[in-house]
Amino acid sequence: MDYAAALTTTRPSLDPELGALLADMPEVPPLSAETLPLIRPFATVDAEVALAGHDLNRRDVTVPSFDGAPLPLTVLTPARDGEPGTAAPCIYWVHGGGMVMGDRFSQIDIPLDWLESFGATVVSVDYRLAPEASGATLVEDCYAGLGWVASHADELGIDPARIIVAGTSAGGGLAAGTTLLARDRQGPAIAAQVLICPMLDHRNTTESSRQFTGPGVWSREANEFGWRSVLGDLGDVPGYVSPALAEDLAGLPTTYVDAGSAEVFRDENVAYASRIWAAGGQAELHVWAGGFHGFDALFPQTQVSRAARAARSDWLARVLRDPRRTS
């Protein structure tokens, strides 16, 4: 991938290890209505492959979404029983894919680390994708799945006081929107949210959105296509769909936000964490020098990726021990 071809003198450079790996990747055609059907298959992994090597139990369920449409969820639990009489924490996982691709097994290795480290139950949601679905449908799907999880906590053996909403890229943005819905509707209690390079702002007006044009894992142009697919002819864009528009970020659960310095979402992610602090909330923010969008999902073996994953897990360990410590 000729990532360097689009570099400008004001654009942060890539981490050398990441840059070398990225340069060996094949060129991906620009994302468009015409290329989307061709690209979508590469954004998914067969479930058996995605879960291979993990000692876990799998249960697939289909629940009604907000409009009665079928909403698939996958529940993953450690194969070995936890401590008797102790309910497990729950990671409610929202996959990435620019709002237009991916499925509930995309990037599933990230929450599976927490299943293995913390004995957590992972529930992954297959929300509907744009452009076939649009507007608030995607985030409402995610909220409906969260509601099912909370209402079935006893059956699932999870602790309703330790439900973590987490997602990456588009899933990070949808996780943020879902958390806002839960706050405003007085819905399920959320102990924390983990927003990994989240897609938060449809306006595409930040400096980082201007820096990262042309070839790349997720460019300004791809971002414009993803948001256009979601918004369609929607007039007023609600903050649940584009969380950067939310007027009030008070009363949110403790939040983890991370991004790379060399990606489109860098500045909107920093701004979101800053606004949580300004509203009196608690957030931990990491910007990984030289990281491109989704670097630790694509190349988890690199030094900076291992550091990013370890920092997330260390923070989550503190939250799960006592959510009040970081609230």
C-alpha atoms as a PDB file:
ATOM      1  CA  MET A   1       0.000   0.000   0.000  1.00  0.00           C
ATOM      2  CA  ASP A   2       1.557   3.308  -1.080  1.00  0.00           C
ATOM      3  CA  TYR A   3       0.586   5.057   2.143  1.00  0.00           C
ATOM      4  CA  ALA A   4       3.534   7.444   1.960  1.00  0.00           C
ATOM      5  CA  ALA A   5       2.331   8.854  -1.363  1.00  0.00           C
ATOM      6  CA  ALA A   6      -0.317  10.934   0.400  1.00  0.00           C
ATOM      7  CA  LEU A   7       1.962  12.296   3.114  1.00  0.00           C
ATOM      8  CA  THR A   8       2.201  16.033   3.592  1.00  0.00           C
ATOM      9  CA  THR A   9       4.867  17.992   5.469  1.00  0.00           C
ATOM     10  CA  THR A  10       2.360  18.678   8.251  1.00  0.00           C
ATOM     11  CA  ARG A  11       1.238  15.084   8.636  1.00  0.00           C
ATOM     12  CA  PRO A  12       2.561  12.964  11.552  1.00  0.00           C
ATOM     13  CA  SER A  13       4.764  10.130  10.383  1.00  0.00           C
ATOM     14  CA  LEU A  14       4.000   6.478  10.936  1.00  0.00           C
ATOM     15  CA  ASP A  15       5.643   4.336  13.558  1.00  0.00           C
ATOM     16  CA  PRO A  16       8.523   2.709  11.601  1.00  0.00           C
ATOM     17  CA  GLU A  17       7.475  -0.849  12.437  1.00  0.00           C
ATOM     18  CA  LEU A  18       3.872  -0.176  11.446  1.00  0.00           C
ATOM     19  CA  GLY A  19       4.925   1.699   8.334  1.00  0.00           C
ATOM     20  CA  ALA A  20       7.015  -1.204   7.071  1.00  0.00           C
ATOM     21  CA  LEU A  21       4.147  -3.650   7.532  1.00  0.00           C
ATOM     22  CA  LEU A  22       1.624  -1.305   5.954  1.00  0.00           C
ATOM     23  CA  ALA A  23       3.845  -0.793   2.902  1.00  0.00           C
ATOM     24  CA  ASP A  24       3.636  -4.530   2.161  1.00  0.00           C
ATOM     25  CA  MET A  25      -0.155  -4.558   2.079  1.00  0.00           C
ATOM     26  CA  PRO A  26      -1.899  -4.653  -1.303  1.00  0.00           C
ATOM     27  CA  GLU A  27      -3.576  -1.492  -2.534  1.00  0.00           C
ATOM     28  CA  VAL A  28      -7.273  -1.293  -1.661  1.00  0.00           C
ATOM     29  CA  PRO A  29      -9.621   0.458  -4.105  1.00  0.00           C
ATOM     30  CA  PRO A  30     -11.278   3.648  -2.847  1.00  0.00           C
ATOM     31  CA  LEU A  31     -14.482   2.971  -0.958  1.00  0.00           C
ATOM     32  CA  SER A  32     -17.595   3.771  -2.975  1.00  0.00           C
ATOM     33  CA  ALA A  33     -21.044   2.407  -3.725  1.00  0.00           C
ATOM     34  CA  GLU A  34     -19.502   0.448  -6.583  1.00  0.00           C
ATOM     35  CA  THR A  35     -16.581  -1.039  -4.630  1.00  0.00           C
ATOM     36  CA  LEU A  36     -18.405  -1.691  -1.338  1.00  0.00           C
ATOM     37  CA  PRO A  37     -19.761  -5.123  -2.409  1.00  0.00           C
ATOM     38  CA  LEU A  38     -16.227  -6.118  -3.410  1.00  0.00           C
ATOM     39  CA  ILE A  39     -14.613  -4.900  -0.178  1.00  0.00           C
ATOM     40  CA  ARG A  40     -17.212  -6.168   2.300  1.00  0.00           C
ATOM     41  CA  PRO A  41     -16.113  -9.850   2.215  1.00  0.00           C
ATOM     42  CA  PHE A  42     -12.616  -8.840   3.336  1.00  0.00           C
ATOM     43  CA  ALA A  43     -14.021  -7.097   6.429  1.00  0.00           C
ATOM     44  CA  THR A  44     -15.397 -10.321   7.881  1.00  0.00           C
ATOM     45  CA  VAL A  45     -13.788 -13.457   9.238  1.00  0.00           C
ATOM     46  CA  ASP A  46     -15.431 -16.855   9.437  1.00  0.00           C
ATOM     47  CA  ALA A  47     -16.661 -17.359  12.984  1.00  0.00           C
ATOM     48  CA  GLU A  48     -14.806 -20.627  13.430  1.00  0.00           C
ATOM     49  CA  VAL A  49     -11.569 -18.988  12.333  1.00  0.00           C
ATOM     50  CA  ALA A  50     -12.147 -15.911  14.502  1.00  0.00           C
ATOM     51  CA  LEU A  51     -12.745 -18.026  17.607  1.00  0.00           C
ATOM     52  CA  ALA A  52     -10.117 -20.703  16.940  1.00  0.00           C
ATOM     53  CA  GLY A  53      -7.604 -21.223  19.711  1.00  0.00           C
ATOM     54  CA  HIS A  54      -9.832 -19.782  22.428  1.00  0.00           C
ATOM     55  CA  ASP A  55     -11.208 -21.963  25.208  1.00  0.00           C
ATOM     56  CA  LEU A  56     -14.798 -20.749  25.278  1.00  0.00           C
ATOM     57  CA  ASN A  57     -18.445 -21.600  24.897  1.00  0.00           C
ATOM     58  CA  ARG A  58     -20.557 -19.975  22.196  1.00  0.00           C
ATOM     59  CA  ARG A  59     -24.263 -19.290  22.116  1.00  0.00           C
ATOM     60  CA  ASP A  60     -26.026 -17.508  19.247  1.00  0.00           C
ATOM     61  CA  VAL A  61     -29.346 -15.810  19.886  1.00  0.00           C
ATOM     62  CA  THR A  62     -31.674 -13.631  17.852  1.00  0.00           C
ATOM     63  CA  VAL A  63     -33.643 -10.950  19.679  1.00  0.00           C
ATOM     64  CA  PRO A  64     -36.075  -8.292  18.431  1.00  0.00           C
ATOM     65  CA  SER A  65     -34.605  -4.888  17.750  1.00  0.00           C
ATOM     66  CA  PHE A  66     -36.410  -1.622  18.436  1.00  0.00           C
ATOM     67  CA  ASP A  67     -38.568  -2.037  15.318  1.00  0.00           C
ATOM     68  CA  GLY A  68     -39.094  -5.781  15.644  1.00  0.00           C
ATOM     69  CA  ALA A  69     -36.373  -6.701  13.132  1.00  0.00           C
ATOM     70  CA  PRO A  70     -34.264  -9.737  14.060  1.00  0.00           C
ATOM     71  CA  LEU A  71     -31.025  -8.794  15.783  1.00  0.00           C
ATOM     72  CA  PRO A  72     -28.334 -11.517  16.032  1.00  0.00           C
ATOM     73  CA  LEU A  73     -26.120 -11.614  19.104  1.00  0.00           C
ATOM     74  CA  THR A  74     -23.316 -13.998  19.998  1.00  0.00           C
ATOM     75  CA  VAL A  75     -22.617 -14.766  23.659  1.00  0.00           C
ATOM     76  CA  LEU A  76     -19.116 -16.029  24.443  1.00  0.00           C
ATOM     77  CA  THR A  77     -18.159 -17.323  27.878  1.00  0.00           C
ATOM     78  CA  PRO A  78     -15.015 -18.953  29.266  1.00  0.00           C
ATOM     79  CA  ALA A  79     -15.180 -22.730  28.978  1.00  0.00           C
ATOM     80  CA  ARG A  80     -13.988 -23.080  32.550  1.00  0.00           C
ATOM     81  CA  ASP A  81     -16.384 -22.043  35.281  1.00  0.00           C
ATOM     82  CA  GLY A  82     -15.519 -18.950  37.270  1.00  0.00           C
ATOM     83  CA  GLU A  83     -15.524 -18.647  41.014  1.00  0.00           C
ATOM     84  CA  PRO A  84     -18.704 -20.266  42.393  1.00  0.00           C
ATOM     85  CA  GLY A  85     -21.421 -17.760  43.219  1.00  0.00           C
ATOM     86  CA  THR A  86     -19.651 -14.904  41.427  1.00  0.00           C
ATOM     87  CA  ALA A  87     -21.306 -13.213  38.476  1.00  0.00           C
ATOM     88  CA  ALA A  88     -18.994 -12.376  35.566  1.00  0.00           C
ATOM     89  CA  PRO A  89     -18.321  -8.938  34.104  1.00  0.00           C
ATOM     90  CA  CYS A  90     -19.755  -8.423  30.636  1.00  0.00           C
ATOM     91  CA  ILE A  91     -18.131  -6.851  27.594  1.00  0.00           C
ATOM     92  CA  TYR A  92     -20.813  -5.700  25.169  1.00  0.00           C
ATOM     93  CA  TRP A  93     -18.855  -5.542  21.913  1.00  0.00           C
ATOM     94  CA  VAL A  94     -19.671  -3.362  18.888  1.00  0.00           C
ATOM     95  CA  HIS A  95     -17.593  -4.146  15.799  1.00  0.00           C
ATOM     96  CA  GLY A  96     -15.962  -1.695  13.419  1.00  0.00           C
ATOM     97  CA  GLY A  97     -16.221  -1.311   9.664  1.00  0.00           C
ATOM     98  CA  GLY A  98     -17.013   2.305   8.890  1.00  0.00           C
ATOM     99  CA  MET A  99     -20.748   1.718   9.487  1.00  0.00           C
ATOM    100  CA  VAL A 100     -20.890  -0.113   6.141  1.00  0.00           C
ATOM    101  CA  MET A 101     -19.144  -3.463   6.646  1.00  0.00           C
ATOM    102  CA  GLY A 102     -18.039  -6.056   9.188  1.00  0.00           C
ATOM    103  CA  ASP A 103     -20.042  -8.370  11.437  1.00  0.00           C
ATOM    104  CA  ARG A 104     -20.169  -9.456  15.062  1.00  0.00           C
ATOM    105  CA  PHE A 105     -16.946 -11.468  14.734  1.00  0.00           C
ATOM    106  CA  SER A 106     -14.931  -8.567  13.345  1.00  0.00           C
ATOM    107  CA  GLN A 107     -12.052  -7.568  15.665  1.00  0.00           C
ATOM    108  CA  ILE A 108     -13.421 -10.091  18.169  1.00  0.00           C
ATOM    109  CA  ASP A 109      -9.874 -10.897  19.297  1.00  0.00           C
ATOM    110  CA  ILE A 110      -9.844  -7.605  21.221  1.00  0.00           C
ATOM    111  CA  PRO A 111     -12.639  -8.471  23.688  1.00  0.00           C
ATOM    112  CA  LEU A 112     -11.548 -12.122  23.754  1.00  0.00           C
ATOM    113  CA  ASP A 113      -8.379 -10.927  25.482  1.00  0.00           C
ATOM    114  CA  TRP A 114     -10.661  -9.691  28.277  1.00  0.00           C
ATOM    115  CA  LEU A 115     -12.670 -12.906  28.313  1.00  0.00           C
ATOM    116  CA  GLU A 116      -9.454 -14.763  29.004  1.00  0.00           C
ATOM    117  CA  SER A 117      -7.889 -12.206  31.367  1.00  0.00           C
ATOM    118  CA  PHE A 118     -10.946 -11.332  33.461  1.00  0.00           C
ATOM    119  CA  GLY A 119     -13.319 -14.256  32.952  1.00  0.00           C
ATOM    120  CA  ALA A 120     -15.665 -11.842  31.205  1.00  0.00           C
ATOM    121  CA  THR A 121     -18.688 -12.787  29.171  1.00  0.00           C
ATOM    122  CA  VAL A 122     -18.498 -11.185  25.732  1.00  0.00           C
ATOM    123  CA  VAL A 123     -21.701 -10.339  23.876  1.00  0.00           C
ATOM    124  CA  SER A 124     -21.219  -9.143  20.305  1.00  0.00           C
ATOM    125  CA  VAL A 125     -24.008  -7.475  18.340  1.00  0.00           C
ATOM    126  CA  ASP A 126     -24.719  -7.750  14.602  1.00  0.00           C
ATOM    127  CA  TYR A 127     -26.254  -4.328  14.012  1.00  0.00           C
ATOM    128  CA  ARG A 128     -27.626  -3.513  10.572  1.00  0.00           C
ATOM    129  CA  LEU A 129     -25.246  -1.801   8.167  1.00  0.00           C
ATOM    130  CA  ALA A 130     -25.501   1.293   6.005  1.00  0.00           C
ATOM    131  CA  PRO A 131     -26.490   2.098   3.335  1.00  0.00           C
ATOM    132  CA  GLU A 132     -29.139  -0.639   3.553  1.00  0.00           C
ATOM    133  CA  ALA A 133     -29.994   0.757   7.000  1.00  0.00           C
ATOM    134  CA  SER A 134     -29.596   4.415   7.810  1.00  0.00           C
ATOM    135  CA  GLY A 135     -30.196   7.160  10.328  1.00  0.00           C
ATOM    136  CA  ALA A 136     -30.491   6.016  13.913  1.00  0.00           C
ATOM    137  CA  THR A 137     -31.155   2.376  12.992  1.00  0.00           C
ATOM    138  CA  LEU A 138     -27.575   1.259  13.662  1.00  0.00           C
ATOM    139  CA  VAL A 139     -27.295   2.795  17.121  1.00  0.00           C
ATOM    140  CA  GLU A 140     -30.843   1.757  18.043  1.00  0.00           C
ATOM    141  CA  ASP A 141     -29.924  -1.832  17.129  1.00  0.00           C
ATOM    142  CA  CYS A 142     -26.949  -1.600  19.477  1.00  0.00           C
ATOM    143  CA  TYR A 143     -29.081  -0.159  22.254  1.00  0.00           C
ATOM    144  CA  ALA A 144     -31.708  -2.883  21.804  1.00  0.00           C
ATOM    145  CA  GLY A 145     -29.036  -5.557  22.146  1.00  0.00           C
ATOM    146  CA  LEU A 146     -27.708  -3.910  25.293  1.00  0.00           C
ATOM    147  CA  GLY A 147     -31.203  -3.863  26.740  1.00  0.00           C
ATOM    148  CA  TRP A 148     -31.563  -7.593  26.127  1.00  0.00           C
ATOM    149  CA  VAL A 149     -28.235  -8.279  27.823  1.00  0.00           C
ATOM    150  CA  ALA A 150     -29.162  -6.243  30.908  1.00  0.00           C
ATOM    151  CA  SER A 151     -32.602  -7.818  31.197  1.00  0.00           C
ATOM    152  CA  HIS A 152     -31.116 -11.319  30.930  1.00  0.00           C
ATOM    153  CA  ALA A 153     -28.202 -10.743  33.300  1.00  0.00           C
ATOM    154  CA  ASP A 154     -29.216 -13.534  35.666  1.00  0.00           C
ATOM    155  CA  GLU A 155     -29.679 -16.015  32.847  1.00  0.00           C
ATOM    156  CA  LEU A 156     -26.310 -15.028  31.340  1.00  0.00           C
ATOM    157  CA  GLY A 157     -24.543 -15.181  34.704  1.00  0.00           C
ATOM    158  CA  ILE A 158     -23.279 -11.610  34.437  1.00  0.00           C
ATOM    159  CA  ASP A 159     -23.014  -8.862  37.012  1.00  0.00           C
ATOM    160  CA  PRO A 160     -25.366  -6.030  35.942  1.00  0.00           C
ATOM    161  CA  ALA A 161     -23.111  -3.574  37.800  1.00  0.00           C
ATOM    162  CA  ARG A 162     -20.138  -4.517  35.601  1.00  0.00           C
ATOM    163  CA  ILE A 163     -21.406  -4.165  32.028  1.00  0.00           C
ATOM    164  CA  ILE A 164     -18.780  -2.524  29.821  1.00  0.00           C
ATOM    165  CA  VAL A 165     -19.786  -1.136  26.415  1.00  0.00           C
ATOM    166  CA  ALA A 166     -16.839  -1.322  24.044  1.00  0.00           C
ATOM    167  CA  GLY A 167     -16.194  -0.932  20.340  1.00  0.00           C
ATOM    168  CA  THR A 168     -13.644   0.008  17.748  1.00  0.00           C
ATOM    169  CA  SER A 169     -13.839   2.518  14.879  1.00  0.00           C
ATOM    170  CA  ALA A 170     -17.496   2.681  13.779  1.00  0.00           C
ATOM    171  CA  GLY A 171     -18.220   0.392  16.708  1.00  0.00           C
ATOM    172  CA  GLY A 172     -16.565   2.888  19.025  1.00  0.00           C
ATOM    173  CA  GLY A 173     -18.855   5.622  17.738  1.00  0.00           C
ATOM    174  CA  LEU A 174     -21.889   3.373  18.102  1.00  0.00           C
ATOM    175  CA  ALA A 175     -20.754   2.403  21.609  1.00  0.00           C
ATOM    176  CA  ALA A 176     -20.611   6.107  22.479  1.00  0.00           C
ATOM    177  CA  GLY A 177     -24.081   6.663  21.018  1.00  0.00           C
ATOM    178  CA  THR A 178     -25.453   3.632  22.854  1.00  0.00           C
ATOM    179  CA  THR A 179     -24.049   4.948  26.136  1.00  0.00           C
ATOM    180  CA  LEU A 180     -25.660   8.339  25.530  1.00  0.00           C
ATOM    181  CA  LEU A 181     -29.003   6.624  24.856  1.00  0.00           C
ATOM    182  CA  ALA A 182     -28.704   4.592  28.059  1.00  0.00           C
ATOM    183  CA  ARG A 183     -28.020   7.761  30.051  1.00  0.00           C
ATOM    184  CA  ASP A 184     -30.866   9.778  28.532  1.00  0.00           C
ATOM    185  CA  ARG A 185     -33.454   6.976  28.610  1.00  0.00           C
ATOM    186  CA  GLN A 186     -32.412   5.879  32.085  1.00  0.00           C
ATOM    187  CA  GLY A 187     -31.700   2.509  30.549  1.00  0.00           C
ATOM    188  CA  PRO A 188     -29.215  -0.194  31.483  1.00  0.00           C
ATOM    189  CA  ALA A 189     -26.477   0.821  33.898  1.00  0.00           C
ATOM    190  CA  ILE A 190     -23.086   0.944  32.168  1.00  0.00           C
ATOM    191  CA  ALA A 191     -19.983   0.657  34.334  1.00  0.00           C
ATOM    192  CA  ALA A 192     -17.606   1.995  31.680  1.00  0.00           C
ATOM    193  CA  GLN A 193     -17.200   2.553  27.977  1.00  0.00           C
ATOM    194  CA  VAL A 194     -14.124   1.672  25.903  1.00  0.00           C
ATOM    195  CA  LEU A 195     -13.919   3.703  22.708  1.00  0.00           C
ATOM    196  CA  ILE A 196     -11.112   2.473  20.460  1.00  0.00           C
ATOM    197  CA  CYS A 197     -10.309   4.964  17.669  1.00  0.00           C
ATOM    198  CA  PRO A 198     -14.026   5.809  17.610  1.00  0.00           C
ATOM    199  CA  MET A 199     -15.915   7.293  14.636  1.00  0.00           C
ATOM    200  CA  LEU A 200     -17.627  10.181  16.426  1.00  0.00           C
ATOM    201  CA  ASP A 201     -18.114  13.150  14.111  1.00  0.00           C
ATOM    202  CA  HIS A 202     -19.820  13.180  10.702  1.00  0.00           C
ATOM    203  CA  ARG A 203     -18.669  16.720   9.927  1.00  0.00           C
ATOM    204  CA  ASN A 204     -15.118  15.763   8.883  1.00  0.00           C
ATOM    205  CA  THR A 205     -13.836  19.249   9.773  1.00  0.00           C
ATOM    206  CA  THR A 206     -10.925  18.562  12.140  1.00  0.00           C
ATOM    207  CA  GLU A 207      -7.302  19.114  11.230  1.00  0.00           C
ATOM    208  CA  SER A 208      -6.607  15.382  11.347  1.00  0.00           C
ATOM    209  CA  SER A 209      -9.506  14.716   8.963  1.00  0.00           C
ATOM    210  CA  ARG A 210      -7.809  17.048   6.489  1.00  0.00           C
ATOM    211  CA  GLN A 211      -4.363  15.561   6.982  1.00  0.00           C
ATOM    212  CA  PHE A 212      -5.263  11.986   6.096  1.00  0.00           C
ATOM    213  CA  THR A 213      -6.552  12.041   2.554  1.00  0.00           C
ATOM    214  CA  GLY A 214      -5.824   9.630  -0.248  1.00  0.00           C
ATOM    215  CA  PRO A 215      -4.478   6.100   0.246  1.00  0.00           C
ATOM    216  CA  GLY A 216      -4.692   4.690   3.735  1.00  0.00           C
ATOM    217  CA  VAL A 217      -6.500   2.248   5.993  1.00  0.00           C
ATOM    218  CA  TRP A 218      -9.290   4.781   6.591  1.00  0.00           C
ATOM    219  CA  SER A 219      -9.072   8.095   4.770  1.00  0.00           C
ATOM    220  CA  ARG A 220     -11.025  11.327   4.769  1.00  0.00           C
ATOM    221  CA  GLU A 221     -12.742  10.166   1.582  1.00  0.00           C
ATOM    222  CA  ALA A 222     -13.701   6.793   3.055  1.00  0.00           C
ATOM    223  CA  ASN A 223     -15.017   8.586   6.125  1.00  0.00           C
ATOM    224  CA  GLU A 224     -17.171  10.843   3.969  1.00  0.00           C
ATOM    225  CA  PHE A 225     -18.592   7.782   2.203  1.00  0.00           C
ATOM    226  CA  GLY A 226     -19.315   5.967   5.466  1.00  0.00           C
ATOM    227  CA  TRP A 227     -21.132   8.914   6.996  1.00  0.00           C
ATOM    228  CA  ARG A 228     -23.009   9.676   3.788  1.00  0.00           C
ATOM    229  CA  SER A 229     -24.199   6.073   3.745  1.00  0.00           C
ATOM    230  CA  VAL A 230     -25.508   6.364   7.311  1.00  0.00           C
ATOM    231  CA  LEU A 231     -27.064   9.800   7.100  1.00  0.00           C
ATOM    232  CA  GLY A 232     -28.689   9.576   3.666  1.00  0.00           C
ATOM    233  CA  ASP A 233     -31.166  12.441   3.477  1.00  0.00           C
ATOM    234  CA  LEU A 234     -31.418  12.808   7.251  1.00  0.00           C
ATOM    235  CA  GLY A 235     -31.939  16.453   8.182  1.00  0.00           C
ATOM    236  CA  ASP A 236     -30.983  17.175  11.778  1.00  0.00           C
ATOM    237  CA  VAL A 237     -28.318  14.706  12.868  1.00  0.00           C
ATOM    238  CA  PRO A 238     -28.854  13.550  16.466  1.00  0.00           C
ATOM    239  CA  GLY A 239     -25.954  13.231  18.873  1.00  0.00           C
ATOM    240  CA  TYR A 240     -26.731   9.545  19.311  1.00  0.00           C
ATOM    241  CA  VAL A 241     -25.766   9.035  15.661  1.00  0.00           C
ATOM    242  CA  SER A 242     -22.834  11.480  15.596  1.00  0.00           C
ATOM    243  CA  PRO A 243     -21.797  11.659  19.267  1.00  0.00           C
ATOM    244  CA  ALA A 244     -19.556  14.705  18.777  1.00  0.00           C
ATOM    245  CA  LEU A 245     -22.809  16.669  18.388  1.00  0.00           C
ATOM    246  CA  ALA A 246     -24.122  15.694  21.821  1.00  0.00           C
ATOM    247  CA  GLU A 247     -24.556  18.939  23.717  1.00  0.00           C
ATOM    248  CA  ASP A 248     -24.055  17.460  27.175  1.00  0.00           C
ATOM    249  CA  LEU A 249     -21.457  14.819  28.084  1.00  0.00           C
ATOM    250  CA  ALA A 250     -22.140  14.953  31.809  1.00  0.00           C
ATOM    251  CA  GLY A 251     -23.231  11.852  33.646  1.00  0.00           C
ATOM    252  CA  LEU A 252     -21.411   9.372  31.428  1.00  0.00           C
ATOM    253  CA  PRO A 253     -19.650   6.337  32.864  1.00  0.00           C
ATOM    254  CA  THR A 254     -15.886   6.350  33.137  1.00  0.00           C
ATOM    255  CA  THR A 255     -14.465   6.283  29.625  1.00  0.00           C
ATOM    256  CA  TYR A 256     -11.356   5.040  27.863  1.00  0.00           C
ATOM    257  CA  VAL A 257     -10.496   6.655  24.523  1.00  0.00           C
ATOM    258  CA  ASP A 258      -7.532   5.876  22.341  1.00  0.00           C
ATOM    259  CA  ALA A 259      -6.374   6.694  18.821  1.00  0.00           C
ATOM    260  CA  GLY A 260      -3.254   6.915  16.716  1.00  0.00           C
ATOM    261  CA  SER A 261      -1.517  10.193  15.993  1.00  0.00           C
ATOM    262  CA  ALA A 262      -1.590   9.351  12.276  1.00  0.00           C
ATOM    263  CA  GLU A 263      -5.305   8.892  11.671  1.00  0.00           C
ATOM    264  CA  VAL A 264      -8.440  10.750  10.636  1.00  0.00           C
ATOM    265  CA  PHE A 265     -10.180  10.353  14.013  1.00  0.00           C
ATOM    266  CA  ARG A 266      -7.347  11.658  16.206  1.00  0.00           C
ATOM    267  CA  ASP A 267      -8.681  15.161  16.832  1.00  0.00           C
ATOM    268  CA  GLU A 268     -12.346  14.247  17.295  1.00  0.00           C
ATOM    269  CA  ASN A 269     -11.285  11.572  19.800  1.00  0.00           C
ATOM    270  CA  VAL A 270      -9.153  14.027  21.776  1.00  0.00           C
ATOM    271  CA  ALA A 271     -12.015  16.537  21.725  1.00  0.00           C
ATOM    272  CA  TYR A 272     -14.501  13.969  23.037  1.00  0.00           C
ATOM    273  CA  ALA A 273     -12.313  13.052  25.999  1.00  0.00           C
ATOM    274  CA  SER A 274     -11.699  16.748  26.692  1.00  0.00           C
ATOM    275  CA  ARG A 275     -15.419  17.462  26.727  1.00  0.00           C
ATOM    276  CA  ILE A 276     -16.014  14.625  29.187  1.00  0.00           C
ATOM    277  CA  TRP A 277     -13.455  16.196  31.508  1.00  0.00           C
ATOM    278  CA  ALA A 278     -15.020  19.630  31.020  1.00  0.00           C
ATOM    279  CA  ALA A 279     -18.381  18.160  32.055  1.00  0.00           C
ATOM    280  CA  GLY A 280     -16.867  16.814  35.269  1.00  0.00           C
ATOM    281  CA  GLY A 281     -16.544  13.238  34.080  1.00  0.00           C
ATOM    282  CA  GLN A 282     -13.639  10.840  34.078  1.00  0.00           C
ATOM    283  CA  ALA A 283     -11.817   9.739  30.936  1.00  0.00           C
ATOM    284  CA  GLU A 284      -8.472   8.225  30.139  1.00  0.00           C
ATOM    285  CA  LEU A 285      -7.019   9.248  26.777  1.00  0.00           C
ATOM    286  CA  HIS A 286      -4.136   7.697  24.865  1.00  0.00           C
ATOM    287  CA  VAL A 287      -2.816   8.905  21.512  1.00  0.00           C
ATOM    288  CA  TRP A 288      -0.277   6.430  20.205  1.00  0.00           C
ATOM    289  CA  ALA A 289       2.575   8.077  18.318  1.00  0.00           C
ATOM    290  CA  GLY A 290       2.764   6.883  14.718  1.00  0.00           C
ATOM    291  CA  GLY A 291      -0.365   4.755  14.940  1.00  0.00           C
ATOM    292  CA  PHE A 292      -2.650   4.681  11.910  1.00  0.00           C
ATOM    293  CA  HIS A 293      -6.357   3.892  12.147  1.00  0.00           C
ATOM    294  CA  GLY A 294      -6.955   0.473  13.663  1.00  0.00           C
ATOM    295  CA  PHE A 295      -3.240  -0.298  13.908  1.00  0.00           C
ATOM    296  CA  ASP A 296      -3.513  -2.684  16.841  1.00  0.00           C
ATOM    297  CA  ALA A 297      -6.336  -4.657  15.237  1.00  0.00           C
ATOM    298  CA  LEU A 298      -4.437  -5.037  11.965  1.00  0.00           C
ATOM    299  CA  PHE A 299      -0.953  -5.662  13.391  1.00  0.00           C
ATOM    300  CA  PRO A 300      -1.354  -6.731  17.033  1.00  0.00           C
ATOM    301  CA  GLN A 301       2.167  -8.138  17.221  1.00  0.00           C
ATOM    302  CA  THR A 302       3.985  -4.800  16.877  1.00  0.00           C
ATOM    303  CA  GLN A 303       5.521  -3.046  19.858  1.00  0.00           C
ATOM    304  CA  VAL A 304       3.143  -0.073  19.845  1.00  0.00           C
ATOM    305  CA  SER A 305       0.122  -2.377  19.383  1.00  0.00           C
ATOM    306  CA  ARG A 306       1.128  -4.509  22.347  1.00  0.00           C
ATOM    307  CA  ALA A 307       1.533  -1.344  24.414  1.00  0.00           C
ATOM    308  CA  ALA A 308      -1.902  -0.070  23.360  1.00  0.00           C
ATOM    309  CA  ARG A 309      -3.627  -3.338  24.208  1.00  0.00           C
ATOM    310  CA  ALA A 310      -1.827  -3.626  27.534  1.00  0.00           C
ATOM    311  CA  ALA A 311      -2.796  -0.067  28.528  1.00  0.00           C
ATOM    312  CA  ARG A 312      -6.445  -0.786  27.756  1.00  0.00           C
ATOM    313  CA  SER A 313      -6.426  -4.007  29.718  1.00  0.00           C
ATOM    314  CA  ASP A 314      -4.673  -2.419  32.703  1.00  0.00           C
ATOM    315  CA  TRP A 315      -7.305   0.324  32.807  1.00  0.00           C
ATOM    316  CA  LEU A 316     -10.128  -2.190  32.492  1.00  0.00           C
ATOM    317  CA  ALA A 317      -8.671  -4.274  35.309  1.00  0.00           C
ATOM    318  CA  ARG A 318      -8.872  -1.235  37.599  1.00  0.00           C
ATOM    319  CA  VAL A 319     -12.460  -0.524  36.556  1.00  0.00           C
ATOM    320  CA  LEU A 320     -13.582  -4.107  37.100  1.00  0.00           C
ATOM    321  CA  ARG A 321     -12.040  -4.217  40.560  1.00  0.00           C
ATOM    322  CA  ASP A 322     -14.030  -1.158  41.604  1.00  0.00           C
ATOM    323  CA  PRO A 323     -15.842   1.049  39.031  1.00  0.00           C
ATOM    324  CA  ARG A 324     -16.010   3.869  41.610  1.00  0.00           C
ATOM    325  CA  ARG A 325     -12.240   4.280  41.515  1.00  0.00           C
ATOM    326  CA  THR A 326     -12.369   5.795  38.028  1.00  0.00           C
ATOM    327  CA  SER A 327     -15.801   7.403  37.993  1.00  0.00           C
END
